[in-house]
Amino acid sequence: MYPVKRSSRRLDLRELAVDDADAVFAIYGSREATEHLSFEPRTRDQVDGIVTRSVACATENPRTEYALAVVERDTERVIGFGRLALDPHQQRAATFGFALRPDAWGVGYGLETVRLLLGLGFEELALHRIWGARSPLNEASAKTMTAAGMVVEGTIRGHIEKAGRWRDSVVHSILFEEWKP
């Protein structure tokens, strides 16, 4: 499916463009924004590579990854990055993730972003299950995924190595029949 375009009251979810590299770097290059993500802050060259690869993957057939810009509708500013990746090990399932600029935190954009991604997965891609993992310390993400109807499935022990230490990840998921748009 290309191009993706979904909207909520305050946000648009759209295809990532090469011109979005600065906005993605504001997230992926930020120590604060990546504190609970699975990787250290990225360099500008790394972000350019991620954006270039994501743009190229968008038109593949079949498409297995949806790397999308989260845009604040009033300002047309890219404030986040969302990703939905089909899981080759599960039927009609995908993993998802999202990250927002720290200056966009605390106003409900995370929940809107998650709902947009879940809507894409269930309503347009006909998925049965969507899941994501978070840092055990990321309470904001826990509240966001719970508010979107996702349930905690459990903990993946020693899942992510970051800053030379292994950390667990908490898995949240939602099934199609649990989805309430």
N, C-alpha and C. Protein backbone atom coordinates (compact mmCIF):
# COMPACT_ATOMS: atom_id res chain seq x y z
N MET A 1 0.84 -1.18 0.00
CA MET A 1 0.00 0.00 0.00
C MET A 1 0.88 1.25 0.00
N TYR A 2 0.69 2.07 -0.99
CA TYR A 2 1.46 3.30 -1.11
C TYR A 2 0.61 4.30 -1.89
N PRO A 3 0.56 5.53 -1.49
CA PRO A 3 1.12 6.11 -0.28
C PRO A 3 0.17 5.99 0.90
N VAL A 4 0.73 6.04 2.10
CA VAL A 4 -0.06 6.04 3.32
C VAL A 4 -0.38 7.49 3.69
N LYS A 5 -1.63 7.71 4.04
CA LYS A 5 -2.06 9.02 4.54
C LYS A 5 -3.23 8.78 5.49
N ARG A 6 -3.01 9.02 6.76
CA ARG A 6 -4.07 8.88 7.77
C ARG A 6 -4.05 10.14 8.63
N SER A 7 -5.21 10.49 9.14
CA SER A 7 -5.30 11.71 9.94
C SER A 7 -6.12 11.48 11.19
N SER A 8 -5.76 12.21 12.23
CA SER A 8 -6.55 12.29 13.44
C SER A 8 -6.93 13.76 13.61
N ARG A 9 -7.47 14.10 14.73
CA ARG A 9 -7.90 15.48 14.96
C ARG A 9 -6.74 16.47 14.83
N ARG A 10 -5.56 16.09 15.35
CA ARG A 10 -4.43 17.03 15.37
C ARG A 10 -3.22 16.59 14.57
N LEU A 11 -3.22 15.35 14.10
CA LEU A 11 -2.03 14.81 13.45
C LEU A 11 -2.33 14.21 12.10
N ASP A 12 -1.31 14.21 11.25
CA ASP A 12 -1.32 13.45 10.00
C ASP A 12 -0.20 12.42 10.09
N LEU A 13 -0.45 11.26 9.55
CA LEU A 13 0.55 10.22 9.40
C LEU A 13 0.75 10.07 7.90
N ARG A 14 1.96 10.29 7.43
CA ARG A 14 2.20 10.27 5.99
C ARG A 14 3.55 9.61 5.70
N GLU A 15 3.73 9.33 4.42
CA GLU A 15 5.00 8.76 3.98
C GLU A 15 6.16 9.68 4.35
N LEU A 16 7.25 9.07 4.74
CA LEU A 16 8.47 9.80 5.02
C LEU A 16 9.06 10.28 3.70
N ALA A 17 9.64 11.47 3.69
CA ALA A 17 10.30 12.03 2.51
C ALA A 17 11.75 12.33 2.85
N VAL A 18 12.61 12.37 1.85
CA VAL A 18 14.03 12.68 2.06
C VAL A 18 14.17 14.01 2.79
N ASP A 19 13.28 14.95 2.50
CA ASP A 19 13.33 16.27 3.15
C ASP A 19 13.04 16.21 4.66
N ASP A 20 12.59 15.07 5.15
CA ASP A 20 12.27 14.93 6.58
C ASP A 20 13.49 14.56 7.42
N ALA A 21 14.65 14.44 6.81
CA ALA A 21 15.84 13.99 7.55
C ALA A 21 16.16 14.89 8.75
N ASP A 22 16.03 16.20 8.62
CA ASP A 22 16.30 17.10 9.75
C ASP A 22 15.34 16.81 10.91
N ALA A 23 14.07 16.62 10.59
CA ALA A 23 13.07 16.36 11.62
C ALA A 23 13.31 15.01 12.30
N VAL A 24 13.68 14.00 11.53
CA VAL A 24 13.98 12.69 12.11
C VAL A 24 15.24 12.79 12.97
N PHE A 25 16.22 13.54 12.51
CA PHE A 25 17.44 13.72 13.31
C PHE A 25 17.14 14.41 14.64
N ALA A 26 16.17 15.32 14.66
CA ALA A 26 15.79 15.99 15.91
C ALA A 26 15.27 14.98 16.94
N ILE A 27 14.82 13.83 16.48
CA ILE A 27 14.34 12.77 17.38
C ILE A 27 15.46 11.75 17.59
N TYR A 28 15.91 11.13 16.50
CA TYR A 28 16.88 10.04 16.60
C TYR A 28 18.27 10.49 17.01
N GLY A 29 18.55 11.77 16.88
CA GLY A 29 19.84 12.30 17.32
C GLY A 29 19.82 12.84 18.73
N SER A 30 18.65 12.85 19.35
CA SER A 30 18.47 13.43 20.68
C SER A 30 18.65 12.39 21.79
N ARG A 31 19.52 12.67 22.73
CA ARG A 31 19.71 11.77 23.87
C ARG A 31 18.41 11.64 24.66
N GLU A 32 17.70 12.75 24.85
CA GLU A 32 16.44 12.71 25.60
C GLU A 32 15.39 11.86 24.88
N ALA A 33 15.24 12.06 23.57
CA ALA A 33 14.22 11.34 22.82
C ALA A 33 14.53 9.85 22.69
N THR A 34 15.80 9.48 22.71
CA THR A 34 16.17 8.06 22.55
C THR A 34 16.47 7.36 23.88
N GLU A 35 16.25 8.06 24.98
CA GLU A 35 16.58 7.48 26.29
C GLU A 35 15.98 6.09 26.48
N HIS A 36 14.73 5.92 26.11
CA HIS A 36 14.05 4.63 26.31
C HIS A 36 13.94 3.80 25.04
N LEU A 37 14.50 4.29 23.93
CA LEU A 37 14.46 3.51 22.69
C LEU A 37 15.54 2.42 22.73
N SER A 38 15.58 1.60 21.72
CA SER A 38 16.48 0.45 21.72
C SER A 38 17.88 0.77 21.21
N PHE A 39 18.17 2.04 20.96
CA PHE A 39 19.46 2.42 20.40
C PHE A 39 19.94 3.73 21.00
N GLU A 40 21.24 3.95 20.86
CA GLU A 40 21.85 5.22 21.27
C GLU A 40 21.48 6.29 20.24
N PRO A 41 21.64 7.56 20.57
CA PRO A 41 21.37 8.60 19.57
C PRO A 41 22.15 8.33 18.28
N ARG A 42 21.49 8.55 17.17
CA ARG A 42 22.09 8.33 15.85
C ARG A 42 22.83 9.57 15.39
N THR A 43 23.82 9.35 14.54
CA THR A 43 24.52 10.47 13.91
C THR A 43 23.68 10.97 12.74
N ARG A 44 24.04 12.12 12.23
CA ARG A 44 23.32 12.67 11.08
C ARG A 44 23.44 11.73 9.88
N ASP A 45 24.62 11.18 9.64
CA ASP A 45 24.80 10.24 8.52
C ASP A 45 23.92 9.00 8.70
N GLN A 46 23.82 8.49 9.93
CA GLN A 46 22.97 7.33 10.18
C GLN A 46 21.51 7.65 9.90
N VAL A 47 21.07 8.83 10.34
CA VAL A 47 19.68 9.23 10.09
C VAL A 47 19.43 9.41 8.60
N ASP A 48 20.35 10.01 7.89
CA ASP A 48 20.20 10.14 6.44
C ASP A 48 20.03 8.77 5.79
N GLY A 49 20.80 7.79 6.25
CA GLY A 49 20.69 6.43 5.73
C GLY A 49 19.35 5.79 6.06
N ILE A 50 18.86 6.00 7.27
CA ILE A 50 17.56 5.46 7.68
C ILE A 50 16.45 6.05 6.82
N VAL A 51 16.49 7.36 6.63
CA VAL A 51 15.44 8.03 5.84
C VAL A 51 15.51 7.57 4.39
N THR A 52 16.70 7.52 3.82
CA THR A 52 16.86 7.09 2.42
C THR A 52 16.34 5.66 2.24
N ARG A 53 16.71 4.76 3.16
CA ARG A 53 16.24 3.37 3.08
C ARG A 53 14.73 3.29 3.24
N SER A 54 14.19 4.06 4.16
CA SER A 54 12.74 4.05 4.41
C SER A 54 11.96 4.53 3.20
N VAL A 55 12.44 5.58 2.55
CA VAL A 55 11.79 6.10 1.35
C VAL A 55 11.83 5.05 0.25
N ALA A 56 12.96 4.38 0.07
CA ALA A 56 13.08 3.34 -0.96
C ALA A 56 12.18 2.15 -0.66
N CYS A 57 12.07 1.75 0.59
CA CYS A 57 11.24 0.60 0.97
C CYS A 57 9.76 0.85 0.77
N ALA A 58 9.36 2.12 0.76
CA ALA A 58 7.94 2.47 0.69
C ALA A 58 7.27 1.98 -0.59
N THR A 59 8.01 1.86 -1.66
CA THR A 59 7.41 1.45 -2.93
C THR A 59 7.71 0.01 -3.30
N GLU A 60 8.32 -0.74 -2.39
CA GLU A 60 8.58 -2.16 -2.67
C GLU A 60 7.26 -2.91 -2.72
N ASN A 61 7.27 -3.98 -3.51
CA ASN A 61 6.09 -4.82 -3.62
C ASN A 61 6.49 -6.27 -3.49
N PRO A 62 6.12 -6.98 -2.46
CA PRO A 62 5.22 -6.51 -1.41
C PRO A 62 5.93 -5.60 -0.42
N ARG A 63 5.17 -4.72 0.14
CA ARG A 63 5.71 -3.79 1.14
C ARG A 63 5.65 -4.45 2.51
N THR A 64 6.77 -4.42 3.22
CA THR A 64 6.82 -5.06 4.53
C THR A 64 7.09 -4.08 5.67
N GLU A 65 7.41 -2.82 5.32
CA GLU A 65 7.72 -1.83 6.35
C GLU A 65 7.08 -0.50 6.00
N TYR A 66 6.52 0.12 7.01
CA TYR A 66 5.89 1.43 6.87
C TYR A 66 6.58 2.37 7.85
N ALA A 67 7.52 3.17 7.36
CA ALA A 67 8.21 4.19 8.16
C ALA A 67 7.56 5.51 7.80
N LEU A 68 6.92 6.13 8.78
CA LEU A 68 6.03 7.25 8.49
C LEU A 68 6.33 8.48 9.34
N ALA A 69 6.09 9.63 8.77
CA ALA A 69 6.25 10.89 9.49
C ALA A 69 4.96 11.20 10.24
N VAL A 70 5.11 11.68 11.47
CA VAL A 70 3.99 12.16 12.27
C VAL A 70 4.04 13.68 12.19
N VAL A 71 2.98 14.26 11.63
CA VAL A 71 2.97 15.70 11.34
C VAL A 71 1.87 16.39 12.15
N GLU A 72 2.24 17.46 12.83
CA GLU A 72 1.27 18.29 13.54
C GLU A 72 0.49 19.07 12.49
N ARG A 73 -0.80 18.88 12.44
CA ARG A 73 -1.62 19.47 11.36
C ARG A 73 -1.60 20.99 11.37
N ASP A 74 -1.68 21.61 12.54
CA ASP A 74 -1.75 23.08 12.60
C ASP A 74 -0.49 23.74 12.08
N THR A 75 0.66 23.14 12.36
CA THR A 75 1.93 23.78 11.99
C THR A 75 2.60 23.13 10.78
N GLU A 76 2.12 21.94 10.39
CA GLU A 76 2.71 21.14 9.32
C GLU A 76 4.15 20.72 9.65
N ARG A 77 4.47 20.71 10.93
CA ARG A 77 5.81 20.35 11.41
C ARG A 77 5.86 18.86 11.72
N VAL A 78 6.93 18.19 11.26
CA VAL A 78 7.13 16.78 11.60
C VAL A 78 7.58 16.73 13.05
N ILE A 79 6.77 16.07 13.88
CA ILE A 79 7.06 15.98 15.31
C ILE A 79 7.37 14.56 15.76
N GLY A 80 7.27 13.61 14.82
CA GLY A 80 7.50 12.24 15.23
C GLY A 80 7.75 11.31 14.06
N PHE A 81 7.99 10.07 14.45
CA PHE A 81 8.32 9.01 13.51
C PHE A 81 7.57 7.77 13.99
N GLY A 82 6.85 7.13 13.09
CA GLY A 82 6.14 5.90 13.43
C GLY A 82 6.55 4.80 12.48
N ARG A 83 6.55 3.58 12.97
CA ARG A 83 6.98 2.46 12.13
C ARG A 83 6.10 1.25 12.40
N LEU A 84 5.67 0.63 11.34
CA LEU A 84 4.93 -0.62 11.39
C LEU A 84 5.66 -1.58 10.46
N ALA A 85 6.09 -2.72 10.99
CA ALA A 85 6.86 -3.68 10.18
C ALA A 85 6.18 -5.05 10.25
N LEU A 86 5.82 -5.57 9.11
CA LEU A 86 5.20 -6.89 9.08
C LEU A 86 6.17 -7.91 9.66
N ASP A 87 5.64 -8.81 10.47
CA ASP A 87 6.46 -9.80 11.16
C ASP A 87 6.49 -11.08 10.34
N PRO A 88 7.65 -11.44 9.76
CA PRO A 88 7.70 -12.62 8.90
C PRO A 88 7.50 -13.93 9.66
N HIS A 89 7.54 -13.88 10.98
CA HIS A 89 7.42 -15.09 11.80
C HIS A 89 6.00 -15.32 12.32
N GLN A 90 5.10 -14.40 12.02
CA GLN A 90 3.72 -14.52 12.48
C GLN A 90 2.78 -14.18 11.33
N GLN A 91 1.67 -14.89 11.26
CA GLN A 91 0.69 -14.61 10.21
C GLN A 91 -0.07 -13.33 10.52
N ARG A 92 -0.19 -12.46 9.53
CA ARG A 92 -0.96 -11.21 9.64
C ARG A 92 -0.65 -10.46 10.93
N ALA A 93 0.64 -10.31 11.21
CA ALA A 93 1.08 -9.60 12.41
C ALA A 93 2.17 -8.60 12.07
N ALA A 94 2.33 -7.62 12.94
CA ALA A 94 3.36 -6.60 12.75
C ALA A 94 3.86 -6.11 14.10
N THR A 95 5.09 -5.64 14.09
CA THR A 95 5.62 -4.91 15.24
C THR A 95 5.45 -3.42 14.92
N PHE A 96 5.42 -2.62 15.97
CA PHE A 96 5.33 -1.20 15.73
C PHE A 96 6.17 -0.45 16.75
N GLY A 97 6.48 0.78 16.41
CA GLY A 97 7.20 1.65 17.31
C GLY A 97 6.93 3.09 16.93
N PHE A 98 7.22 3.98 17.86
CA PHE A 98 7.00 5.39 17.60
C PHE A 98 7.92 6.20 18.51
N ALA A 99 8.22 7.40 18.06
CA ALA A 99 9.03 8.32 18.86
C ALA A 99 8.62 9.74 18.47
N LEU A 100 8.56 10.59 19.47
CA LEU A 100 8.19 11.99 19.24
C LEU A 100 9.30 12.90 19.73
N ARG A 101 9.34 14.09 19.16
CA ARG A 101 10.26 15.12 19.65
C ARG A 101 9.89 15.43 21.11
N PRO A 102 10.87 15.62 21.97
CA PRO A 102 10.56 15.93 23.37
C PRO A 102 9.66 17.16 23.55
N ASP A 103 9.74 18.14 22.65
CA ASP A 103 8.89 19.32 22.81
C ASP A 103 7.44 19.04 22.41
N ALA A 104 7.15 17.82 21.95
CA ALA A 104 5.78 17.41 21.61
C ALA A 104 5.22 16.42 22.64
N TRP A 105 5.95 16.16 23.70
CA TRP A 105 5.50 15.22 24.73
C TRP A 105 4.46 15.87 25.65
N GLY A 106 3.64 15.02 26.23
CA GLY A 106 2.75 15.45 27.30
C GLY A 106 1.43 16.07 26.87
N VAL A 107 1.11 16.03 25.58
CA VAL A 107 -0.14 16.63 25.13
C VAL A 107 -1.03 15.62 24.39
N GLY A 108 -0.74 14.34 24.50
CA GLY A 108 -1.57 13.31 23.89
C GLY A 108 -1.21 12.92 22.47
N TYR A 109 -0.12 13.48 21.94
CA TYR A 109 0.28 13.11 20.58
C TYR A 109 0.72 11.65 20.48
N GLY A 110 1.28 11.12 21.54
CA GLY A 110 1.69 9.71 21.53
C GLY A 110 0.50 8.80 21.30
N LEU A 111 -0.58 9.04 22.04
CA LEU A 111 -1.79 8.23 21.90
C LEU A 111 -2.38 8.38 20.50
N GLU A 112 -2.43 9.58 19.98
CA GLU A 112 -2.94 9.77 18.62
C GLU A 112 -2.06 9.03 17.60
N THR A 113 -0.76 9.07 17.81
CA THR A 113 0.16 8.38 16.90
C THR A 113 -0.07 6.88 16.94
N VAL A 114 -0.17 6.32 18.14
CA VAL A 114 -0.40 4.88 18.27
C VAL A 114 -1.72 4.49 17.62
N ARG A 115 -2.77 5.26 17.85
CA ARG A 115 -4.06 4.95 17.23
C ARG A 115 -3.99 5.03 15.70
N LEU A 116 -3.25 5.99 15.18
CA LEU A 116 -3.09 6.07 13.72
C LEU A 116 -2.37 4.84 13.18
N LEU A 117 -1.31 4.41 13.87
CA LEU A 117 -0.56 3.23 13.43
C LEU A 117 -1.42 1.97 13.54
N LEU A 118 -2.16 1.82 14.64
CA LEU A 118 -3.03 0.65 14.79
C LEU A 118 -4.12 0.65 13.73
N GLY A 119 -4.68 1.82 13.45
CA GLY A 119 -5.70 1.92 12.41
C GLY A 119 -5.16 1.50 11.05
N LEU A 120 -3.96 1.93 10.74
CA LEU A 120 -3.33 1.51 9.49
C LEU A 120 -3.22 -0.01 9.46
N GLY A 121 -2.74 -0.59 10.53
CA GLY A 121 -2.54 -2.03 10.56
C GLY A 121 -3.82 -2.83 10.47
N PHE A 122 -4.81 -2.44 11.24
CA PHE A 122 -6.05 -3.22 11.27
C PHE A 122 -7.02 -2.88 10.14
N GLU A 123 -7.17 -1.60 9.85
CA GLU A 123 -8.19 -1.18 8.89
C GLU A 123 -7.72 -1.24 7.45
N GLU A 124 -6.44 -1.03 7.21
CA GLU A 124 -5.96 -0.99 5.83
C GLU A 124 -5.11 -2.20 5.45
N LEU A 125 -4.40 -2.76 6.41
CA LEU A 125 -3.53 -3.91 6.10
C LEU A 125 -4.15 -5.24 6.53
N ALA A 126 -5.30 -5.19 7.16
CA ALA A 126 -6.03 -6.40 7.59
C ALA A 126 -5.20 -7.30 8.50
N LEU A 127 -4.46 -6.69 9.40
CA LEU A 127 -3.65 -7.48 10.34
C LEU A 127 -4.53 -8.07 11.43
N HIS A 128 -4.03 -9.13 12.04
CA HIS A 128 -4.71 -9.77 13.16
C HIS A 128 -4.11 -9.33 14.50
N ARG A 129 -2.79 -9.08 14.52
CA ARG A 129 -2.09 -8.77 15.77
C ARG A 129 -1.00 -7.74 15.53
N ILE A 130 -0.91 -6.77 16.44
CA ILE A 130 0.16 -5.78 16.40
C ILE A 130 0.78 -5.73 17.79
N TRP A 131 2.10 -5.72 17.83
CA TRP A 131 2.77 -5.68 19.13
C TRP A 131 3.97 -4.74 19.09
N GLY A 132 4.33 -4.28 20.27
CA GLY A 132 5.48 -3.42 20.42
C GLY A 132 6.14 -3.65 21.76
N ALA A 133 7.39 -3.30 21.86
CA ALA A 133 8.15 -3.49 23.10
C ALA A 133 8.65 -2.14 23.58
N ARG A 134 8.73 -1.98 24.90
CA ARG A 134 9.19 -0.73 25.48
C ARG A 134 10.16 -1.00 26.62
N SER A 135 10.91 0.02 26.97
CA SER A 135 11.76 -0.05 28.14
C SER A 135 10.89 -0.16 29.39
N PRO A 136 11.27 -0.98 30.36
CA PRO A 136 10.49 -1.07 31.60
C PRO A 136 10.39 0.28 32.33
N LEU A 137 11.31 1.19 32.07
CA LEU A 137 11.29 2.49 32.74
C LEU A 137 10.44 3.53 32.01
N ASN A 138 9.95 3.21 30.84
CA ASN A 138 9.19 4.18 30.05
C ASN A 138 7.71 4.12 30.42
N GLU A 139 7.37 4.78 31.51
CA GLU A 139 5.99 4.79 32.00
C GLU A 139 5.05 5.53 31.06
N ALA A 140 5.54 6.57 30.41
CA ALA A 140 4.69 7.32 29.47
C ALA A 140 4.25 6.41 28.32
N SER A 141 5.16 5.62 27.80
CA SER A 141 4.82 4.69 26.72
C SER A 141 3.86 3.61 27.22
N ALA A 142 4.06 3.14 28.43
CA ALA A 142 3.16 2.14 29.01
C ALA A 142 1.73 2.69 29.09
N LYS A 143 1.59 3.92 29.57
CA LYS A 143 0.26 4.54 29.68
C LYS A 143 -0.35 4.75 28.30
N THR A 144 0.46 5.16 27.35
CA THR A 144 -0.02 5.41 26.00
C THR A 144 -0.55 4.13 25.36
N MET A 145 0.23 3.06 25.42
CA MET A 145 -0.20 1.81 24.78
C MET A 145 -1.42 1.23 25.49
N THR A 146 -1.47 1.34 26.79
CA THR A 146 -2.64 0.86 27.54
C THR A 146 -3.88 1.66 27.15
N ALA A 147 -3.74 2.97 27.07
CA ALA A 147 -4.88 3.82 26.69
C ALA A 147 -5.38 3.51 25.28
N ALA A 148 -4.49 3.01 24.41
CA ALA A 148 -4.88 2.63 23.04
C ALA A 148 -5.52 1.25 22.99
N GLY A 149 -5.62 0.57 24.13
CA GLY A 149 -6.25 -0.75 24.18
C GLY A 149 -5.30 -1.91 24.14
N MET A 150 -3.99 -1.63 24.17
CA MET A 150 -3.01 -2.71 24.14
C MET A 150 -2.86 -3.31 25.54
N VAL A 151 -2.51 -4.57 25.61
CA VAL A 151 -2.34 -5.24 26.89
C VAL A 151 -0.88 -5.69 27.04
N VAL A 152 -0.44 -5.76 28.28
CA VAL A 152 0.91 -6.24 28.57
C VAL A 152 0.90 -7.76 28.44
N GLU A 153 1.80 -8.27 27.61
CA GLU A 153 1.92 -9.71 27.44
C GLU A 153 2.99 -10.30 28.34
N GLY A 154 4.02 -9.52 28.62
CA GLY A 154 5.10 -10.05 29.44
C GLY A 154 6.40 -9.30 29.18
N THR A 155 7.47 -9.89 29.65
CA THR A 155 8.79 -9.26 29.58
C THR A 155 9.74 -10.15 28.79
N ILE A 156 10.46 -9.53 27.88
CA ILE A 156 11.56 -10.22 27.20
C ILE A 156 12.81 -9.88 28.00
N ARG A 157 13.39 -10.85 28.64
CA ARG A 157 14.55 -10.62 29.50
C ARG A 157 15.81 -10.43 28.67
N GLY A 158 16.66 -9.48 29.11
CA GLY A 158 17.93 -9.25 28.43
C GLY A 158 17.78 -9.01 26.95
N HIS A 159 16.80 -8.24 26.56
CA HIS A 159 16.42 -8.08 25.16
C HIS A 159 17.27 -7.08 24.39
N ILE A 160 17.64 -5.98 25.02
CA ILE A 160 18.32 -4.88 24.33
C ILE A 160 19.64 -4.57 25.02
N GLU A 161 20.71 -4.47 24.23
CA GLU A 161 21.98 -4.01 24.79
C GLU A 161 22.13 -2.53 24.43
N LYS A 162 22.26 -1.72 25.45
CA LYS A 162 22.37 -0.28 25.25
C LYS A 162 23.35 0.28 26.28
N ALA A 163 24.26 1.08 25.82
CA ALA A 163 25.29 1.68 26.68
C ALA A 163 26.05 0.59 27.44
N GLY A 164 26.29 -0.53 26.76
CA GLY A 164 27.08 -1.60 27.35
C GLY A 164 26.36 -2.45 28.39
N ARG A 165 25.04 -2.27 28.52
CA ARG A 165 24.27 -3.04 29.50
C ARG A 165 23.04 -3.63 28.82
N TRP A 166 22.67 -4.81 29.29
CA TRP A 166 21.47 -5.45 28.76
C TRP A 166 20.28 -5.00 29.58
N ARG A 167 19.16 -4.75 28.88
CA ARG A 167 17.93 -4.39 29.57
C ARG A 167 16.78 -5.23 29.03
N ASP A 168 15.78 -5.35 29.85
CA ASP A 168 14.57 -6.07 29.47
C ASP A 168 13.70 -5.17 28.59
N SER A 169 12.70 -5.78 27.97
CA SER A 169 11.67 -5.04 27.25
C SER A 169 10.32 -5.60 27.68
N VAL A 170 9.35 -4.71 27.82
CA VAL A 170 7.99 -5.10 28.16
C VAL A 170 7.18 -5.10 26.86
N VAL A 171 6.50 -6.20 26.58
CA VAL A 171 5.74 -6.37 25.35
C VAL A 171 4.27 -6.03 25.58
N HIS A 172 3.74 -5.18 24.69
CA HIS A 172 2.31 -4.85 24.66
C HIS A 172 1.77 -5.32 23.32
N SER A 173 0.53 -5.78 23.29
CA SER A 173 -0.06 -6.19 22.02
C SER A 173 -1.55 -5.89 22.01
N ILE A 174 -2.10 -5.95 20.81
CA ILE A 174 -3.53 -5.81 20.61
C ILE A 174 -3.93 -6.67 19.42
N LEU A 175 -5.10 -7.29 19.52
CA LEU A 175 -5.65 -8.11 18.45
C LEU A 175 -6.73 -7.34 17.72
N PHE A 176 -6.99 -7.75 16.48
CA PHE A 176 -7.99 -7.07 15.67
C PHE A 176 -9.32 -6.95 16.42
N GLU A 177 -9.76 -8.02 17.05
CA GLU A 177 -11.07 -8.01 17.70
C GLU A 177 -11.11 -7.11 18.94
N GLU A 178 -9.95 -6.68 19.42
CA GLU A 178 -9.88 -5.76 20.56
C GLU A 178 -9.82 -4.31 20.13
N TRP A 179 -9.56 -4.07 18.86
CA TRP A 179 -9.38 -2.73 18.32
C TRP A 179 -10.69 -1.95 18.34
N LYS A 180 -10.64 -0.78 18.93
CA LYS A 180 -11.79 0.12 18.96
C LYS A 180 -11.34 1.47 18.39
N PRO A 181 -11.64 1.72 17.11
CA PRO A 181 -11.19 2.98 16.48
C PRO A 181 -11.74 4.23 17.15
